[in-house]
Amino acid sequence: MCGVKSNPIELDSQPAIELHDVGVLAGGRWIVDGVRLALPIGVCCALLGPNGCGKSTLARVLAGFVWPTRGNVTVLGEVFGETDLHALRKRVKIVQSTNTVEHDADMPARDVVLTGAFGTILLFDEPTPAHRQRGDELMSKFGVMHVADSRFGALSTGERMRILIARALLVVPALLILDEPTAGLDLIGRELLLRGLDEVMANSPNRPTILMISHHVEEIPSSTDWGILMAEGKVSCAGPAADVIAAGPMSEAFGRRVQVDRIAGRFSARITA
């Protein structure tokens, strides 16, 4: 059964994310409706749910790009409406499969990664040797070192996504939001991305809090230790991954009987008859 329904879990310390009755009204419909949630610092969290349930809208609220119609939002201890969102965005990075930021297609992929040191689209300043070393390490982790000198615009969808995630992690953010990062990736690209995220979570001295949005449990890393399920704009379940990404809560969220398995840390799910 689900550890959380409508009420947020009480945490021992300041949560990375805290939402109270958050709603987003658009086109006469509540895209996000009455969300109450607390997410611990330092977890790798999967945000799952059917198409159109409000996952991406909620992610954009957390990144400060969509203002909620109602409710209170606190991210990294900063209360929306009482803080400088521009300053907060330096600590929060969002990478989306439908990337809204256009990088110069002629830039070498390595330079795109290095812009993460400055939060710019173009490389206006000279990266430090430490930045360059960190960039190469991240590209190696995500399996894109071989395209470091290639034009960004010439890369495949999977290669671009892994470059953008390396860019987001060049200066480790406190919160990293990944919106369907495996969308459109082939098997190899997906596995290299997920393996890279596992390495980041295992080897970062100050590991970021990661919120990863996906439609498929097969496309979340084995380091996932927290889960959130959404359905029809609401959070139906939240808590430790083993409790949330399970047959009962998943069946409730998707409206069909779902069987969930976990092998070597990786989840898989299928609809049963």
C-alpha atoms as a PDB file:
ATOM      1  CA  MET A   1       0.000   0.000   0.000  1.00  0.00           C
ATOM      2  CA  CYS A   2       0.985   3.595  -0.454  1.00  0.00           C
ATOM      3  CA  GLY A   3       2.897   5.324   2.332  1.00  0.00           C
ATOM      4  CA  VAL A   4       1.326   8.690   1.529  1.00  0.00           C
ATOM      5  CA  LYS A   5      -2.017   9.780   0.147  1.00  0.00           C
ATOM      6  CA  SER A   6      -2.976  13.426   0.543  1.00  0.00           C
ATOM      7  CA  ASN A   7      -0.634  14.378   3.369  1.00  0.00           C
ATOM      8  CA  PRO A   8       3.126  14.941   3.026  1.00  0.00           C
ATOM      9  CA  ILE A   9       5.557  12.717   4.909  1.00  0.00           C
ATOM     10  CA  GLU A  10       7.059  14.342   7.980  1.00  0.00           C
ATOM     11  CA  LEU A  11      10.808  14.577   7.457  1.00  0.00           C
ATOM     12  CA  ASP A  12      13.534  14.890  10.070  1.00  0.00           C
ATOM     13  CA  SER A  13      15.249  17.808   8.300  1.00  0.00           C
ATOM     14  CA  GLN A  14      14.448  20.607   5.869  1.00  0.00           C
ATOM     15  CA  PRO A  15      13.077  18.949   2.701  1.00  0.00           C
ATOM     16  CA  ALA A  16      14.426  19.734  -0.757  1.00  0.00           C
ATOM     17  CA  ILE A  17      10.858  20.366  -1.942  1.00  0.00           C
ATOM     18  CA  GLU A  18       7.757  21.170   0.081  1.00  0.00           C
ATOM     19  CA  LEU A  19       4.357  21.807  -1.511  1.00  0.00           C
ATOM     20  CA  HIS A  20       1.118  22.746   0.222  1.00  0.00           C
ATOM     21  CA  ASP A  21      -2.156  22.585  -1.733  1.00  0.00           C
ATOM     22  CA  VAL A  22      -0.457  23.549  -4.997  1.00  0.00           C
ATOM     23  CA  GLY A  23      -2.682  23.892  -8.043  1.00  0.00           C
ATOM     24  CA  VAL A  24      -2.247  25.127 -11.626  1.00  0.00           C
ATOM     25  CA  LEU A  25      -5.334  26.180 -13.568  1.00  0.00           C
ATOM     26  CA  ALA A  26      -5.030  26.390 -17.359  1.00  0.00           C
ATOM     27  CA  GLY A  27      -7.721  26.493 -20.015  1.00  0.00           C
ATOM     28  CA  GLY A  28     -10.419  26.108 -17.391  1.00  0.00           C
ATOM     29  CA  ARG A  29      -8.905  22.859 -16.108  1.00  0.00           C
ATOM     30  CA  TRP A  30      -6.789  22.094 -13.043  1.00  0.00           C
ATOM     31  CA  ILE A  31      -3.611  20.628 -14.602  1.00  0.00           C
ATOM     32  CA  VAL A  32      -2.172  20.251 -11.092  1.00  0.00           C
ATOM     33  CA  ASP A  33      -4.686  20.053  -8.264  1.00  0.00           C
ATOM     34  CA  GLY A  34      -4.177  20.200  -4.498  1.00  0.00           C
ATOM     35  CA  VAL A  35      -0.667  18.726  -4.411  1.00  0.00           C
ATOM     36  CA  ARG A  36       0.830  18.302  -0.939  1.00  0.00           C
ATOM     37  CA  LEU A  37       4.318  16.855  -0.916  1.00  0.00           C
ATOM     38  CA  ALA A  38       7.654  16.780   0.923  1.00  0.00           C
ATOM     39  CA  LEU A  39      10.764  15.426  -0.807  1.00  0.00           C
ATOM     40  CA  PRO A  40      13.914  14.647   1.209  1.00  0.00           C
ATOM     41  CA  ILE A  41      17.272  16.165   0.337  1.00  0.00           C
ATOM     42  CA  GLY A  42      19.703  13.920  -1.546  1.00  0.00           C
ATOM     43  CA  VAL A  43      17.257  11.351  -2.916  1.00  0.00           C
ATOM     44  CA  CYS A  44      16.899  10.178  -6.500  1.00  0.00           C
ATOM     45  CA  CYS A  45      13.151  10.404  -7.031  1.00  0.00           C
ATOM     46  CA  ALA A  46      11.057   9.071  -9.907  1.00  0.00           C
ATOM     47  CA  LEU A  47       7.901  11.035 -10.734  1.00  0.00           C
ATOM     48  CA  LEU A  48       5.589   8.664 -12.602  1.00  0.00           C
ATOM     49  CA  GLY A  49       2.064   8.696 -13.943  1.00  0.00           C
ATOM     50  CA  PRO A  50      -0.104   8.473 -17.061  1.00  0.00           C
ATOM     51  CA  ASN A  51       0.102  10.936 -19.958  1.00  0.00           C
ATOM     52  CA  GLY A  52      -1.443  14.305 -19.142  1.00  0.00           C
ATOM     53  CA  CYS A  53      -1.511  13.832 -15.373  1.00  0.00           C
ATOM     54  CA  GLY A  54       0.458  17.033 -14.680  1.00  0.00           C
ATOM     55  CA  LYS A  55       4.018  15.746 -14.208  1.00  0.00           C
ATOM     56  CA  SER A  56       5.775  18.208 -16.525  1.00  0.00           C
ATOM     57  CA  THR A  57       3.684  21.136 -15.305  1.00  0.00           C
ATOM     58  CA  LEU A  58       4.625  20.317 -11.715  1.00  0.00           C
ATOM     59  CA  ALA A  59       8.306  20.145 -12.738  1.00  0.00           C
ATOM     60  CA  ARG A  60       8.092  23.610 -14.304  1.00  0.00           C
ATOM     61  CA  VAL A  61       6.477  24.946 -11.141  1.00  0.00           C
ATOM     62  CA  LEU A  62       9.408  23.619  -9.112  1.00  0.00           C
ATOM     63  CA  ALA A  63      11.897  25.196 -11.533  1.00  0.00           C
ATOM     64  CA  GLY A  64      10.122  28.540 -11.232  1.00  0.00           C
ATOM     65  CA  PHE A  65       8.931  28.692 -14.842  1.00  0.00           C
ATOM     66  CA  VAL A  66       5.211  28.233 -14.086  1.00  0.00           C
ATOM     67  CA  TRP A  67       3.584  30.141 -11.242  1.00  0.00           C
ATOM     68  CA  PRO A  68       0.975  28.147  -9.320  1.00  0.00           C
ATOM     69  CA  THR A  69      -2.611  29.384  -9.329  1.00  0.00           C
ATOM     70  CA  ARG A  70      -2.859  28.537  -5.646  1.00  0.00           C
ATOM     71  CA  GLY A  71      -0.831  27.014  -2.865  1.00  0.00           C
ATOM     72  CA  ASN A  72       2.632  27.430  -1.362  1.00  0.00           C
ATOM     73  CA  VAL A  73       5.906  26.216  -2.898  1.00  0.00           C
ATOM     74  CA  THR A  74       9.202  25.902  -1.026  1.00  0.00           C
ATOM     75  CA  VAL A  75      12.299  24.710  -2.887  1.00  0.00           C
ATOM     76  CA  LEU A  76      15.662  24.314  -1.121  1.00  0.00           C
ATOM     77  CA  GLY A  77      14.277  26.263   1.815  1.00  0.00           C
ATOM     78  CA  GLU A  78      13.234  29.234  -0.359  1.00  0.00           C
ATOM     79  CA  VAL A  79       9.559  30.206  -0.318  1.00  0.00           C
ATOM     80  CA  PHE A  80       8.182  31.260  -3.706  1.00  0.00           C
ATOM     81  CA  GLY A  81       6.931  34.826  -3.529  1.00  0.00           C
ATOM     82  CA  GLU A  82       9.501  35.674  -0.853  1.00  0.00           C
ATOM     83  CA  THR A  83      12.716  34.815  -2.692  1.00  0.00           C
ATOM     84  CA  ASP A  84      14.700  35.776  -5.792  1.00  0.00           C
ATOM     85  CA  LEU A  85      13.836  33.057  -8.312  1.00  0.00           C
ATOM     86  CA  HIS A  86      16.685  34.119 -10.598  1.00  0.00           C
ATOM     87  CA  ALA A  87      19.170  33.396  -7.799  1.00  0.00           C
ATOM     88  CA  LEU A  88      17.399  30.143  -6.900  1.00  0.00           C
ATOM     89  CA  ARG A  89      17.661  28.881 -10.497  1.00  0.00           C
ATOM     90  CA  LYS A  90      21.438  28.819 -10.083  1.00  0.00           C
ATOM     91  CA  ARG A  91      20.874  25.986  -7.595  1.00  0.00           C
ATOM     92  CA  VAL A  92      18.109  24.267  -9.588  1.00  0.00           C
ATOM     93  CA  LYS A  93      18.710  22.832 -13.058  1.00  0.00           C
ATOM     94  CA  ILE A  94      16.046  21.420 -15.372  1.00  0.00           C
ATOM     95  CA  VAL A  95      16.747  19.360 -18.495  1.00  0.00           C
ATOM     96  CA  GLN A  96      13.830  18.505 -20.756  1.00  0.00           C
ATOM     97  CA  SER A  97      13.547  16.113 -23.681  1.00  0.00           C
ATOM     98  CA  THR A  98      11.815  18.932 -25.563  1.00  0.00           C
ATOM     99  CA  ASN A  99      14.599  21.376 -24.790  1.00  0.00           C
ATOM    100  CA  THR A 100      13.358  24.966 -24.829  1.00  0.00           C
ATOM    101  CA  VAL A 101      16.897  26.431 -24.798  1.00  0.00           C
ATOM    102  CA  GLU A 102      18.633  26.485 -28.152  1.00  0.00           C
ATOM    103  CA  HIS A 103      22.381  26.027 -28.060  1.00  0.00           C
ATOM    104  CA  ASP A 104      24.509  27.021 -31.039  1.00  0.00           C
ATOM    105  CA  ALA A 105      24.431  24.015 -33.370  1.00  0.00           C
ATOM    106  CA  ASP A 106      28.026  24.746 -34.457  1.00  0.00           C
ATOM    107  CA  MET A 107      29.476  24.706 -30.936  1.00  0.00           C
ATOM    108  CA  PRO A 108      31.612  21.693 -30.050  1.00  0.00           C
ATOM    109  CA  ALA A 109      29.782  19.431 -27.625  1.00  0.00           C
ATOM    110  CA  ARG A 110      32.539  19.966 -25.052  1.00  0.00           C
ATOM    111  CA  ASP A 111      31.920  23.731 -25.108  1.00  0.00           C
ATOM    112  CA  VAL A 112      28.183  23.181 -24.571  1.00  0.00           C
ATOM    113  CA  VAL A 113      29.042  21.220 -21.432  1.00  0.00           C
ATOM    114  CA  LEU A 114      31.413  23.967 -20.271  1.00  0.00           C
ATOM    115  CA  THR A 115      28.728  26.664 -20.549  1.00  0.00           C
ATOM    116  CA  GLY A 116      27.268  24.969 -17.470  1.00  0.00           C
ATOM    117  CA  ALA A 117      30.011  26.652 -15.436  1.00  0.00           C
ATOM    118  CA  PHE A 118      28.466  30.048 -16.163  1.00  0.00           C
ATOM    119  CA  GLY A 119      24.796  29.333 -16.819  1.00  0.00           C
ATOM    120  CA  THR A 120      25.053  30.828 -20.299  1.00  0.00           C
ATOM    121  CA  ILE A 121      24.158  29.578 -23.776  1.00  0.00           C
ATOM    122  CA  LEU A 122      27.451  30.635 -25.357  1.00  0.00           C
ATOM    123  CA  LEU A 123      30.930  30.307 -23.888  1.00  0.00           C
ATOM    124  CA  PHE A 124      31.783  33.925 -23.074  1.00  0.00           C
ATOM    125  CA  ASP A 125      34.300  33.229 -20.297  1.00  0.00           C
ATOM    126  CA  GLU A 126      37.326  30.971 -20.053  1.00  0.00           C
ATOM    127  CA  PRO A 127      36.611  27.756 -18.121  1.00  0.00           C
ATOM    128  CA  THR A 128      39.113  26.779 -15.448  1.00  0.00           C
ATOM    129  CA  PRO A 129      41.208  23.619 -15.721  1.00  0.00           C
ATOM    130  CA  ALA A 130      38.975  22.149 -13.002  1.00  0.00           C
ATOM    131  CA  HIS A 131      35.894  22.848 -15.131  1.00  0.00           C
ATOM    132  CA  ARG A 132      37.512  21.175 -18.136  1.00  0.00           C
ATOM    133  CA  GLN A 133      38.502  18.126 -16.102  1.00  0.00           C
ATOM    134  CA  ARG A 134      35.020  17.852 -14.589  1.00  0.00           C
ATOM    135  CA  GLY A 135      33.439  18.188 -18.037  1.00  0.00           C
ATOM    136  CA  ASP A 136      35.563  15.396 -19.486  1.00  0.00           C
ATOM    137  CA  GLU A 137      34.793  13.171 -16.495  1.00  0.00           C
ATOM    138  CA  LEU A 138      31.053  13.707 -16.934  1.00  0.00           C
ATOM    139  CA  MET A 139      31.168  13.098 -20.677  1.00  0.00           C
ATOM    140  CA  SER A 140      33.019   9.855 -19.981  1.00  0.00           C
ATOM    141  CA  LYS A 141      30.436   8.826 -17.354  1.00  0.00           C
ATOM    142  CA  PHE A 142      27.593   9.396 -19.832  1.00  0.00           C
ATOM    143  CA  GLY A 143      29.373   7.722 -22.747  1.00  0.00           C
ATOM    144  CA  VAL A 144      29.719  10.802 -24.988  1.00  0.00           C
ATOM    145  CA  MET A 145      33.440  11.528 -24.733  1.00  0.00           C
ATOM    146  CA  HIS A 146      33.869  10.314 -28.311  1.00  0.00           C
ATOM    147  CA  VAL A 147      31.702  13.202 -29.589  1.00  0.00           C
ATOM    148  CA  ALA A 148      33.294  15.918 -27.427  1.00  0.00           C
ATOM    149  CA  ASP A 149      34.755  17.718 -30.439  1.00  0.00           C
ATOM    150  CA  SER A 150      31.749  17.183 -32.714  1.00  0.00           C
ATOM    151  CA  ARG A 151      29.234  19.901 -33.599  1.00  0.00           C
ATOM    152  CA  PHE A 152      26.389  19.896 -31.096  1.00  0.00           C
ATOM    153  CA  GLY A 153      23.869  20.092 -33.925  1.00  0.00           C
ATOM    154  CA  ALA A 154      25.294  16.947 -35.536  1.00  0.00           C
ATOM    155  CA  LEU A 155      24.719  14.769 -32.467  1.00  0.00           C
ATOM    156  CA  SER A 156      21.932  12.241 -32.118  1.00  0.00           C
ATOM    157  CA  THR A 157      18.996  12.894 -29.792  1.00  0.00           C
ATOM    158  CA  GLY A 158      20.510  10.622 -27.149  1.00  0.00           C
ATOM    159  CA  GLU A 159      23.942  12.207 -27.416  1.00  0.00           C
ATOM    160  CA  ARG A 160      22.503  15.723 -27.091  1.00  0.00           C
ATOM    161  CA  MET A 161      20.502  14.729 -24.015  1.00  0.00           C
ATOM    162  CA  ARG A 162      23.558  13.243 -22.316  1.00  0.00           C
ATOM    163  CA  ILE A 163      25.612  16.340 -23.176  1.00  0.00           C
ATOM    164  CA  LEU A 164      22.921  18.572 -21.654  1.00  0.00           C
ATOM    165  CA  ILE A 165      22.808  16.489 -18.468  1.00  0.00           C
ATOM    166  CA  ALA A 166      26.602  16.698 -18.214  1.00  0.00           C
ATOM    167  CA  ARG A 167      26.234  20.482 -18.640  1.00  0.00           C
ATOM    168  CA  ALA A 168      23.662  20.603 -15.819  1.00  0.00           C
ATOM    169  CA  LEU A 169      26.001  18.652 -13.526  1.00  0.00           C
ATOM    170  CA  LEU A 170      29.211  20.552 -14.323  1.00  0.00           C
ATOM    171  CA  VAL A 171      28.584  22.673 -11.246  1.00  0.00           C
ATOM    172  CA  VAL A 172      26.595  20.244  -9.111  1.00  0.00           C
ATOM    173  CA  PRO A 173      23.130  21.721  -8.513  1.00  0.00           C
ATOM    174  CA  ALA A 174      21.253  21.212  -5.275  1.00  0.00           C
ATOM    175  CA  LEU A 175      18.240  20.045  -7.314  1.00  0.00           C
ATOM    176  CA  LEU A 176      18.324  18.486 -10.787  1.00  0.00           C
ATOM    177  CA  ILE A 177      15.002  18.002 -12.588  1.00  0.00           C
ATOM    178  CA  LEU A 178      15.041  15.652 -15.579  1.00  0.00           C
ATOM    179  CA  ASP A 179      11.858  15.733 -17.656  1.00  0.00           C
ATOM    180  CA  GLU A 180      11.638  12.498 -19.666  1.00  0.00           C
ATOM    181  CA  PRO A 181      15.389  12.420 -20.405  1.00  0.00           C
ATOM    182  CA  THR A 182      15.188   8.991 -22.081  1.00  0.00           C
ATOM    183  CA  ALA A 183      12.407   9.949 -24.523  1.00  0.00           C
ATOM    184  CA  GLY A 184      13.467   9.012 -28.046  1.00  0.00           C
ATOM    185  CA  LEU A 185      16.661   7.258 -26.939  1.00  0.00           C
ATOM    186  CA  ASP A 186      17.598   3.835 -28.195  1.00  0.00           C
ATOM    187  CA  LEU A 187      18.532   1.010 -25.826  1.00  0.00           C
ATOM    188  CA  ILE A 188      22.245   1.868 -25.682  1.00  0.00           C
ATOM    189  CA  GLY A 189      21.644   5.591 -25.220  1.00  0.00           C
ATOM    190  CA  ARG A 190      19.127   4.942 -22.457  1.00  0.00           C
ATOM    191  CA  GLU A 191      21.397   2.568 -20.561  1.00  0.00           C
ATOM    192  CA  LEU A 192      24.423   4.871 -20.809  1.00  0.00           C
ATOM    193  CA  LEU A 193      22.349   7.758 -19.464  1.00  0.00           C
ATOM    194  CA  LEU A 194      20.940   5.734 -16.560  1.00  0.00           C
ATOM    195  CA  ARG A 195      24.333   4.253 -15.733  1.00  0.00           C
ATOM    196  CA  GLY A 196      25.824   7.757 -15.685  1.00  0.00           C
ATOM    197  CA  LEU A 197      23.145   8.949 -13.251  1.00  0.00           C
ATOM    198  CA  ASP A 198      23.839   5.969 -10.999  1.00  0.00           C
ATOM    199  CA  GLU A 199      27.540   6.880 -10.963  1.00  0.00           C
ATOM    200  CA  VAL A 200      26.757  10.514 -10.135  1.00  0.00           C
ATOM    201  CA  MET A 201      24.558   9.478  -7.209  1.00  0.00           C
ATOM    202  CA  ALA A 202      27.121   6.964  -5.964  1.00  0.00           C
ATOM    203  CA  ASN A 203      30.231   9.125  -6.278  1.00  0.00           C
ATOM    204  CA  SER A 204      29.192  12.748  -5.628  1.00  0.00           C
ATOM    205  CA  PRO A 205      30.435  14.023  -2.233  1.00  0.00           C
ATOM    206  CA  ASN A 206      27.410  16.351  -2.099  1.00  0.00           C
ATOM    207  CA  ARG A 207      24.943  14.359  -4.143  1.00  0.00           C
ATOM    208  CA  PRO A 208      22.189  16.400  -5.716  1.00  0.00           C
ATOM    209  CA  THR A 209      18.523  15.763  -5.210  1.00  0.00           C
ATOM    210  CA  ILE A 210      17.299  14.352  -8.525  1.00  0.00           C
ATOM    211  CA  LEU A 211      13.665  14.437  -9.640  1.00  0.00           C
ATOM    212  CA  MET A 212      13.257  12.356 -12.783  1.00  0.00           C
ATOM    213  CA  ILE A 213       9.979  12.376 -14.704  1.00  0.00           C
ATOM    214  CA  SER A 214       9.113   9.311 -16.747  1.00  0.00           C
ATOM    215  CA  HIS A 215       6.183   7.329 -18.082  1.00  0.00           C
ATOM    216  CA  HIS A 216       8.040   4.024 -17.715  1.00  0.00           C
ATOM    217  CA  VAL A 217       9.603   2.455 -14.629  1.00  0.00           C
ATOM    218  CA  GLU A 218      12.092   0.692 -16.910  1.00  0.00           C
ATOM    219  CA  GLU A 219      13.571   4.111 -17.697  1.00  0.00           C
ATOM    220  CA  ILE A 220      14.582   5.163 -14.186  1.00  0.00           C
ATOM    221  CA  PRO A 221      18.025   4.483 -12.667  1.00  0.00           C
ATOM    222  CA  SER A 222      18.701   1.770 -10.111  1.00  0.00           C
ATOM    223  CA  SER A 223      19.716   4.495  -7.639  1.00  0.00           C
ATOM    224  CA  THR A 224      16.058   5.576  -7.452  1.00  0.00           C
ATOM    225  CA  ASP A 225      15.193   5.503  -3.749  1.00  0.00           C
ATOM    226  CA  TRP A 226      12.040   7.654  -3.680  1.00  0.00           C
ATOM    227  CA  GLY A 227       8.884   7.693  -5.769  1.00  0.00           C
ATOM    228  CA  ILE A 228       5.926   9.944  -6.546  1.00  0.00           C
ATOM    229  CA  LEU A 229       2.842   8.806  -8.460  1.00  0.00           C
ATOM    230  CA  MET A 230       0.441  11.288 -10.062  1.00  0.00           C
ATOM    231  CA  ALA A 231      -2.999  10.762 -11.581  1.00  0.00           C
ATOM    232  CA  GLU A 232      -5.419  13.401 -12.877  1.00  0.00           C
ATOM    233  CA  GLY A 233      -3.344  16.284 -11.523  1.00  0.00           C
ATOM    234  CA  LYS A 234      -3.043  14.892  -8.003  1.00  0.00           C
ATOM    235  CA  VAL A 235      -0.335  13.021  -6.118  1.00  0.00           C
ATOM    236  CA  SER A 236      -1.811   9.595  -5.447  1.00  0.00           C
ATOM    237  CA  CYS A 237       1.216   8.202  -3.622  1.00  0.00           C
ATOM    238  CA  ALA A 238       4.671   9.309  -2.442  1.00  0.00           C
ATOM    239  CA  GLY A 239       7.401   7.795  -0.336  1.00  0.00           C
ATOM    240  CA  PRO A 240      10.245   5.267  -0.498  1.00  0.00           C
ATOM    241  CA  ALA A 241      10.506   3.745  -3.971  1.00  0.00           C
ATOM    242  CA  ALA A 242       9.885   0.176  -2.831  1.00  0.00           C
ATOM    243  CA  ASP A 243       6.536   1.237  -1.336  1.00  0.00           C
ATOM    244  CA  VAL A 244       5.411   3.508  -4.174  1.00  0.00           C
ATOM    245  CA  ILE A 245       6.637   1.712  -7.301  1.00  0.00           C
ATOM    246  CA  ALA A 246       4.658  -1.374  -6.381  1.00  0.00           C
ATOM    247  CA  ALA A 247       1.653  -3.234  -7.754  1.00  0.00           C
ATOM    248  CA  GLY A 248      -1.027  -1.595  -5.587  1.00  0.00           C
ATOM    249  CA  PRO A 249      -0.117   2.088  -5.968  1.00  0.00           C
ATOM    250  CA  MET A 250       0.807   1.674  -9.651  1.00  0.00           C
ATOM    251  CA  SER A 251      -2.498  -0.063 -10.379  1.00  0.00           C
ATOM    252  CA  GLU A 252      -4.372   2.763  -8.681  1.00  0.00           C
ATOM    253  CA  ALA A 253      -2.494   5.492 -10.567  1.00  0.00           C
ATOM    254  CA  PHE A 254      -2.819   3.888 -14.005  1.00  0.00           C
ATOM    255  CA  GLY A 255      -6.322   2.489 -13.543  1.00  0.00           C
ATOM    256  CA  ARG A 256      -5.330  -1.029 -14.590  1.00  0.00           C
ATOM    257  CA  ARG A 257      -3.886  -4.012 -12.777  1.00  0.00           C
ATOM    258  CA  VAL A 258      -0.101  -3.586 -12.894  1.00  0.00           C
ATOM    259  CA  GLN A 259       2.566  -6.129 -11.985  1.00  0.00           C
ATOM    260  CA  VAL A 260       5.883  -4.661 -10.815  1.00  0.00           C
ATOM    261  CA  ASP A 261       9.202  -6.477 -10.542  1.00  0.00           C
ATOM    262  CA  ARG A 262      12.637  -5.310  -9.428  1.00  0.00           C
ATOM    263  CA  ILE A 263      15.816  -7.070 -10.504  1.00  0.00           C
ATOM    264  CA  ALA A 264      19.308  -5.806  -9.595  1.00  0.00           C
ATOM    265  CA  GLY A 265      17.782  -2.515  -8.517  1.00  0.00           C
ATOM    266  CA  ARG A 266      15.945  -1.858 -11.792  1.00  0.00           C
ATOM    267  CA  PHE A 267      12.154  -1.789 -11.929  1.00  0.00           C
ATOM    268  CA  SER A 268       9.928  -3.222 -14.651  1.00  0.00           C
ATOM    269  CA  ALA A 269       6.151  -3.160 -14.973  1.00  0.00           C
ATOM    270  CA  ARG A 270       3.472  -4.692 -17.151  1.00  0.00           C
ATOM    271  CA  ILE A 271      -0.291  -4.764 -17.337  1.00  0.00           C
ATOM    272  CA  THR A 272      -1.798  -8.071 -16.253  1.00  0.00           C
ATOM    273  CA  ALA A 273      -4.975  -9.578 -17.674  1.00  0.00           C
END
